[in-house]
Amino acid sequence: MANKHGDRIRFSVLLAEDYAQLLIEEANSLNQKPSSFIRDLVYEHVQYKVALESTAHTILKELERN
């Protein structure tokens, strides 16, 4: 479920207890709140995926030209 919250969208995520505990411990080890840690992970994943798609698109265009 996603709800608009100002200029952001809030997601509710349910995690298995063991995974949630690992996530909390990792966030704590980095002196981050779990929600900030999750947000950073999501942003990194999206940026990585966009970079891959952009690179793939560029390579396909280059191959089409040759």
PDB file of N, CA and C in Angstrom:
ATOM      1  N   MET A   1       0.845  -1.166   0.000  1.00  0.00           N
ATOM      2  CA  MET A   1       0.000   0.000   0.000  1.00  0.00           C
ATOM      3  C   MET A   1       0.899   1.241   0.000  1.00  0.00           C
ATOM      4  N   ALA A   2       0.515   2.233  -0.745  1.00  0.00           N
ATOM      5  CA  ALA A   2       1.287   3.471  -0.826  1.00  0.00           C
ATOM      6  C   ALA A   2       0.348   4.658  -0.617  1.00  0.00           C
ATOM      7  N   ASN A   3       0.799   5.618   0.175  1.00  0.00           N
ATOM      8  CA  ASN A   3       0.030   6.827   0.442  1.00  0.00           C
ATOM      9  C   ASN A   3       0.895   8.043   0.169  1.00  0.00           C
ATOM     10  N   LYS A   4       0.289   9.055  -0.420  1.00  0.00           N
ATOM     11  CA  LYS A   4       1.002  10.307  -0.670  1.00  0.00           C
ATOM     12  C   LYS A   4       1.258  10.992   0.669  1.00  0.00           C
ATOM     13  N   HIS A   5       2.468  11.509   0.835  1.00  0.00           N
ATOM     14  CA  HIS A   5       2.859  12.192   2.067  1.00  0.00           C
ATOM     15  C   HIS A   5       3.714  13.389   1.663  1.00  0.00           C
ATOM     16  N   GLY A   6       3.077  14.512   1.407  1.00  0.00           N
ATOM     17  CA  GLY A   6       3.796  15.689   0.911  1.00  0.00           C
ATOM     18  C   GLY A   6       4.307  15.411  -0.485  1.00  0.00           C
ATOM     19  N   ASP A   7       5.613  15.594  -0.689  1.00  0.00           N
ATOM     20  CA  ASP A   7       6.194  15.342  -2.007  1.00  0.00           C
ATOM     21  C   ASP A   7       6.782  13.928  -2.089  1.00  0.00           C
ATOM     22  N   ARG A   8       6.398  13.077  -1.141  1.00  0.00           N
ATOM     23  CA  ARG A   8       6.890  11.695  -1.123  1.00  0.00           C
ATOM     24  C   ARG A   8       5.708  10.744  -1.071  1.00  0.00           C
ATOM     25  N   ILE A   9       5.997   9.486  -1.257  1.00  0.00           N
ATOM     26  CA  ILE A   9       4.978   8.446  -1.137  1.00  0.00           C
ATOM     27  C   ILE A   9       5.433   7.484  -0.057  1.00  0.00           C
ATOM     28  N   ARG A  10       4.536   7.205   0.874  1.00  0.00           N
ATOM     29  CA  ARG A  10       4.839   6.326   1.995  1.00  0.00           C
ATOM     30  C   ARG A  10       4.401   4.902   1.648  1.00  0.00           C
ATOM     31  N   PHE A  11       5.298   3.943   1.858  1.00  0.00           N
ATOM     32  CA  PHE A  11       5.013   2.536   1.648  1.00  0.00           C
ATOM     33  C   PHE A  11       4.983   1.824   2.991  1.00  0.00           C
ATOM     34  N   SER A  12       4.103   0.861   3.105  1.00  0.00           N
ATOM     35  CA  SER A  12       4.092  -0.023   4.273  1.00  0.00           C
ATOM     36  C   SER A  12       4.632  -1.365   3.826  1.00  0.00           C
ATOM     37  N   VAL A  13       5.623  -1.859   4.552  1.00  0.00           N
ATOM     38  CA  VAL A  13       6.270  -3.106   4.175  1.00  0.00           C
ATOM     39  C   VAL A  13       6.275  -4.039   5.378  1.00  0.00           C
ATOM     40  N   LEU A  14       5.823  -5.253   5.166  1.00  0.00           N
ATOM     41  CA  LEU A  14       5.886  -6.263   6.212  1.00  0.00           C
ATOM     42  C   LEU A  14       7.053  -7.185   5.920  1.00  0.00           C
ATOM     43  N   LEU A  15       7.900  -7.409   6.926  1.00  0.00           N
ATOM     44  CA  LEU A  15       9.039  -8.302   6.781  1.00  0.00           C
ATOM     45  C   LEU A  15       8.916  -9.431   7.790  1.00  0.00           C
ATOM     46  N   ALA A  16       9.440 -10.570   7.425  1.00  0.00           N
ATOM     47  CA  ALA A  16       9.524 -11.669   8.378  1.00  0.00           C
ATOM     48  C   ALA A  16      10.373 -11.195   9.552  1.00  0.00           C
ATOM     49  N   GLU A  17      10.025 -11.658  10.744  1.00  0.00           N
ATOM     50  CA  GLU A  17      10.669 -11.170  11.959  1.00  0.00           C
ATOM     51  C   GLU A  17      12.191 -11.311  11.922  1.00  0.00           C
ATOM     52  N   ASP A  18      12.694 -12.444  11.439  1.00  0.00           N
ATOM     53  CA  ASP A  18      14.144 -12.647  11.393  1.00  0.00           C
ATOM     54  C   ASP A  18      14.828 -11.653  10.468  1.00  0.00           C
ATOM     55  N   TYR A  19      14.235 -11.418   9.302  1.00  0.00           N
ATOM     56  CA  TYR A  19      14.810 -10.452   8.369  1.00  0.00           C
ATOM     57  C   TYR A  19      14.729  -9.039   8.933  1.00  0.00           C
ATOM     58  N   ALA A  20      13.618  -8.727   9.570  1.00  0.00           N
ATOM     59  CA  ALA A  20      13.458  -7.403  10.163  1.00  0.00           C
ATOM     60  C   ALA A  20      14.521  -7.167  11.232  1.00  0.00           C
ATOM     61  N   GLN A  21      14.772  -8.166  12.045  1.00  0.00           N
ATOM     62  CA  GLN A  21      15.784  -8.022  13.092  1.00  0.00           C
ATOM     63  C   GLN A  21      17.174  -7.791  12.494  1.00  0.00           C
ATOM     64  N   LEU A  22      17.493  -8.543  11.431  1.00  0.00           N
ATOM     65  CA  LEU A  22      18.776  -8.334  10.749  1.00  0.00           C
ATOM     66  C   LEU A  22      18.879  -6.922  10.196  1.00  0.00           C
ATOM     67  N   LEU A  23      17.798  -6.447   9.605  1.00  0.00           N
ATOM     68  CA  LEU A  23      17.777  -5.100   9.045  1.00  0.00           C
ATOM     69  C   LEU A  23      17.979  -4.060  10.142  1.00  0.00           C
ATOM     70  N   ILE A  24      17.290  -4.229  11.256  1.00  0.00           N
ATOM     71  CA  ILE A  24      17.424  -3.292  12.374  1.00  0.00           C
ATOM     72  C   ILE A  24      18.858  -3.287  12.892  1.00  0.00           C
ATOM     73  N   GLU A  25      19.436  -4.462  13.047  1.00  0.00           N
ATOM     74  CA  GLU A  25      20.816  -4.554  13.531  1.00  0.00           C
ATOM     75  C   GLU A  25      21.790  -3.883  12.565  1.00  0.00           C
ATOM     76  N   GLU A  26      21.593  -4.095  11.271  1.00  0.00           N
ATOM     77  CA  GLU A  26      22.476  -3.473  10.272  1.00  0.00           C
ATOM     78  C   GLU A  26      22.332  -1.959  10.299  1.00  0.00           C
ATOM     79  N   ALA A  27      21.098  -1.467  10.376  1.00  0.00           N
ATOM     80  CA  ALA A  27      20.865  -0.021  10.449  1.00  0.00           C
ATOM     81  C   ALA A  27      21.534   0.553  11.695  1.00  0.00           C
ATOM     82  N   ASN A  28      21.358  -0.127  12.819  1.00  0.00           N
ATOM     83  CA  ASN A  28      21.966   0.349  14.068  1.00  0.00           C
ATOM     84  C   ASN A  28      23.487   0.389  13.968  1.00  0.00           C
ATOM     85  N   SER A  29      24.070  -0.607  13.311  1.00  0.00           N
ATOM     86  CA  SER A  29      25.532  -0.641  13.188  1.00  0.00           C
ATOM     87  C   SER A  29      26.055   0.521  12.351  1.00  0.00           C
ATOM     88  N   LEU A  30      25.190   1.078  11.513  1.00  0.00           N
ATOM     89  CA  LEU A  30      25.556   2.220  10.672  1.00  0.00           C
ATOM     90  C   LEU A  30      25.051   3.541  11.254  1.00  0.00           C
ATOM     91  N   ASN A  31      24.527   3.469  12.486  1.00  0.00           N
ATOM     92  CA  ASN A  31      23.952   4.644  13.158  1.00  0.00           C
ATOM     93  C   ASN A  31      22.855   5.295  12.330  1.00  0.00           C
ATOM     94  N   GLN A  32      21.998   4.460  11.752  1.00  0.00           N
ATOM     95  CA  GLN A  32      20.871   4.947  10.954  1.00  0.00           C
ATOM     96  C   GLN A  32      19.573   4.403  11.539  1.00  0.00           C
ATOM     97  N   LYS A  33      18.500   5.133  11.295  1.00  0.00           N
ATOM     98  CA  LYS A  33      17.176   4.605  11.615  1.00  0.00           C
ATOM     99  C   LYS A  33      16.867   3.524  10.582  1.00  0.00           C
ATOM    100  N   PRO A  34      16.133   2.494  10.963  1.00  0.00           N
ATOM    101  CA  PRO A  34      15.775   1.454   9.988  1.00  0.00           C
ATOM    102  C   PRO A  34      15.064   2.016   8.755  1.00  0.00           C
ATOM    103  N   SER A  35      14.173   2.987   8.943  1.00  0.00           N
ATOM    104  CA  SER A  35      13.456   3.546   7.792  1.00  0.00           C
ATOM    105  C   SER A  35      14.410   4.261   6.835  1.00  0.00           C
ATOM    106  N   SER A  36      15.395   4.965   7.370  1.00  0.00           N
ATOM    107  CA  SER A  36      16.391   5.630   6.520  1.00  0.00           C
ATOM    108  C   SER A  36      17.250   4.612   5.795  1.00  0.00           C
ATOM    109  N   PHE A  37      17.609   3.552   6.503  1.00  0.00           N
ATOM    110  CA  PHE A  37      18.402   2.483   5.914  1.00  0.00           C
ATOM    111  C   PHE A  37      17.662   1.841   4.747  1.00  0.00           C
ATOM    112  N   ILE A  38      16.371   1.547   4.946  1.00  0.00           N
ATOM    113  CA  ILE A  38      15.552   0.952   3.879  1.00  0.00           C
ATOM    114  C   ILE A  38      15.454   1.910   2.700  1.00  0.00           C
ATOM    115  N   ARG A  39      15.216   3.189   2.980  1.00  0.00           N
ATOM    116  CA  ARG A  39      15.098   4.183   1.903  1.00  0.00           C
ATOM    117  C   ARG A  39      16.381   4.234   1.087  1.00  0.00           C
ATOM    118  N   ASP A  40      17.536   4.244   1.763  1.00  0.00           N
ATOM    119  CA  ASP A  40      18.811   4.261   1.047  1.00  0.00           C
ATOM    120  C   ASP A  40      18.981   3.026   0.180  1.00  0.00           C
ATOM    121  N   LEU A  41      18.581   1.857   0.696  1.00  0.00           N
ATOM    122  CA  LEU A  41      18.665   0.626  -0.091  1.00  0.00           C
ATOM    123  C   LEU A  41      17.796   0.709  -1.343  1.00  0.00           C
ATOM    124  N   VAL A  42      16.591   1.229  -1.176  1.00  0.00           N
ATOM    125  CA  VAL A  42      15.671   1.360  -2.319  1.00  0.00           C
ATOM    126  C   VAL A  42      16.250   2.323  -3.343  1.00  0.00           C
ATOM    127  N   TYR A  43      16.722   3.472  -2.897  1.00  0.00           N
ATOM    128  CA  TYR A  43      17.301   4.450  -3.821  1.00  0.00           C
ATOM    129  C   TYR A  43      18.488   3.857  -4.578  1.00  0.00           C
ATOM    130  N   GLU A  44      19.374   3.160  -3.862  1.00  0.00           N
ATOM    131  CA  GLU A  44      20.530   2.537  -4.509  1.00  0.00           C
ATOM    132  C   GLU A  44      20.089   1.516  -5.551  1.00  0.00           C
ATOM    133  N   HIS A  45      19.082   0.725  -5.221  1.00  0.00           N
ATOM    134  CA  HIS A  45      18.599  -0.294  -6.156  1.00  0.00           C
ATOM    135  C   HIS A  45      18.018   0.359  -7.412  1.00  0.00           C
ATOM    136  N   VAL A  46      17.204   1.370  -7.226  1.00  0.00           N
ATOM    137  CA  VAL A  46      16.582   2.049  -8.373  1.00  0.00           C
ATOM    138  C   VAL A  46      17.658   2.705  -9.236  1.00  0.00           C
ATOM    139  N   GLN A  47      18.623   3.364  -8.616  1.00  0.00           N
ATOM    140  CA  GLN A  47      19.694   4.002  -9.395  1.00  0.00           C
ATOM    141  C   GLN A  47      20.498   2.960 -10.151  1.00  0.00           C
ATOM    142  N   TYR A  48      20.772   1.827  -9.545  1.00  0.00           N
ATOM    143  CA  TYR A  48      21.506   0.744 -10.194  1.00  0.00           C
ATOM    144  C   TYR A  48      20.715   0.194 -11.376  1.00  0.00           C
ATOM    145  N   LYS A  49      19.413  -0.040 -11.159  1.00  0.00           N
ATOM    146  CA  LYS A  49      18.575  -0.589 -12.219  1.00  0.00           C
ATOM    147  C   LYS A  49      18.459   0.386 -13.384  1.00  0.00           C
ATOM    148  N   VAL A  50      18.278   1.658 -13.091  1.00  0.00           N
ATOM    149  CA  VAL A  50      18.188   2.671 -14.146  1.00  0.00           C
ATOM    150  C   VAL A  50      19.504   2.746 -14.902  1.00  0.00           C
ATOM    151  N   ALA A  51      20.613   2.681 -14.185  1.00  0.00           N
ATOM    152  CA  ALA A  51      21.924   2.723 -14.842  1.00  0.00           C
ATOM    153  C   ALA A  51      22.092   1.529 -15.766  1.00  0.00           C
ATOM    154  N   LEU A  52      21.676   0.335 -15.319  1.00  0.00           N
ATOM    155  CA  LEU A  52      21.777  -0.851 -16.171  1.00  0.00           C
ATOM    156  C   LEU A  52      20.912  -0.716 -17.411  1.00  0.00           C
ATOM    157  N   GLU A  53      19.679  -0.270 -17.223  1.00  0.00           N
ATOM    158  CA  GLU A  53      18.766  -0.117 -18.360  1.00  0.00           C
ATOM    159  C   GLU A  53      19.275   0.943 -19.325  1.00  0.00           C
ATOM    160  N   SER A  54      19.795   2.031 -18.784  1.00  0.00           N
ATOM    161  CA  SER A  54      20.334   3.093 -19.624  1.00  0.00           C
ATOM    162  C   SER A  54      21.536   2.591 -20.416  1.00  0.00           C
ATOM    163  N   THR A  55      22.406   1.855 -19.742  1.00  0.00           N
ATOM    164  CA  THR A  55      23.584   1.296 -20.411  1.00  0.00           C
ATOM    165  C   THR A  55      23.161   0.310 -21.491  1.00  0.00           C
ATOM    166  N   ALA A  56      22.203  -0.558 -21.168  1.00  0.00           N
ATOM    167  CA  ALA A  56      21.723  -1.536 -22.145  1.00  0.00           C
ATOM    168  C   ALA A  56      21.102  -0.829 -23.348  1.00  0.00           C
ATOM    169  N   HIS A  57      20.333   0.209 -23.091  1.00  0.00           N
ATOM    170  CA  HIS A  57      19.703   0.968 -24.173  1.00  0.00           C
ATOM    171  C   HIS A  57      20.774   1.606 -25.062  1.00  0.00           C
ATOM    172  N   THR A  58      21.798   2.163 -24.453  1.00  0.00           N
ATOM    173  CA  THR A  58      22.882   2.793 -25.203  1.00  0.00           C
ATOM    174  C   THR A  58      23.612   1.767 -26.064  1.00  0.00           C
ATOM    175  N   ILE A  59      23.878   0.603 -25.490  1.00  0.00           N
ATOM    176  CA  ILE A  59      24.566  -0.458 -26.238  1.00  0.00           C
ATOM    177  C   ILE A  59      23.709  -0.917 -27.414  1.00  0.00           C
ATOM    178  N   LEU A  60      22.419  -1.101 -27.202  1.00  0.00           N
ATOM    179  CA  LEU A  60      21.526  -1.513 -28.295  1.00  0.00           C
ATOM    180  C   LEU A  60      21.504  -0.480 -29.413  1.00  0.00           C
ATOM    181  N   LYS A  61      21.444   0.804 -29.041  1.00  0.00           N
ATOM    182  CA  LYS A  61      21.468   1.853 -30.054  1.00  0.00           C
ATOM    183  C   LYS A  61      22.762   1.816 -30.847  1.00  0.00           C
ATOM    184  N   GLU A  62      23.874   1.588 -30.155  1.00  0.00           N
ATOM    185  CA  GLU A  62      25.180   1.518 -30.816  1.00  0.00           C
ATOM    186  C   GLU A  62      25.229   0.332 -31.775  1.00  0.00           C
ATOM    187  N   LEU A  63      24.690  -0.806 -31.332  1.00  0.00           N
ATOM    188  CA  LEU A  63      24.674  -1.992 -32.197  1.00  0.00           C
ATOM    189  C   LEU A  63      23.801  -1.786 -33.425  1.00  0.00           C
ATOM    190  N   GLU A  64      22.694  -1.077 -33.256  1.00  0.00           N
ATOM    191  CA  GLU A  64      21.803  -0.800 -34.385  1.00  0.00           C
ATOM    192  C   GLU A  64      22.478   0.092 -35.422  1.00  0.00           C
ATOM    193  N   ARG A  65      23.342   0.992 -34.971  1.00  0.00           N
ATOM    194  CA  ARG A  65      24.035   1.898 -35.882  1.00  0.00           C
ATOM    195  C   ARG A  65      25.094   1.157 -36.709  1.00  0.00           C
ATOM    196  N   ASN A  66      25.636   0.092 -36.160  1.00  0.00           N
ATOM    197  CA  ASN A  66      26.720  -0.623 -36.857  1.00  0.00           C
ATOM    198  C   ASN A  66      26.213  -1.718 -37.713  1.00  0.00           C
TER     199      ASN A  66
END
